[in-house]
Amino acid sequence: MSNFLSSFDISGYGLSAQRVRVNTISQNIANAQTTRTDEGGPYRRKEVVFKAINFNEEFNKAINGMSESAKYQDPLNEGEFGKKVNPAIMSVIVDKISRDDREPNLKYEPNHPDADANGYVAYPNINPVIEMADLVEATRSYQANVAAFESSKNMANSAISLLQ
């Protein structure tokens, strides 16, 4: 039963990861014209890097070995032919948020308060079209995780109604 419930956790990890990605993209869009930051210089674009994790391994580590409830089971006895089928159940986490250190875009605006001695202002190297495409992709991934969660919930409800 706990292996069935892990699908909820895996969808939850996916939702959390995509939410971080949407927040980061929103931050990039909001700061597309920011020429001054606390670090000095223009805002730097950020990008979320995901990492695949073996869900069962992480789950058993998290419960401190008190139980092997997510241990691999072979309900169809596929291991009878001498080869044990053991596909890893992979989930996703946010590994890091990297900063894009490419050169900023320079625009000639001699009257801008952040203009250098030559009259150029450094703007963040953010392309709103790319950010919007990334935002649409992140939104679609979020929706896919919601659909997977809903499917798991419907399967659980159907199983419960069979037992009643």
Foldseek 3Di string as FASTA:
>chain_A
DVLLVVLLVQLVQLLVLLVVQLVLLVVCVVQQFAQADPVGGGDWRKGWDKDKDQSQVVVCVVVPVPDSVVPDDDVPPPCPVVDDDDDGDIGMHTPDIDTDPDFFDWDQQQVDPQADPNRIGGGYPDDVVVSVVSNVVSVVSSVVSVVSNVVSVVVVVVVVVVVD
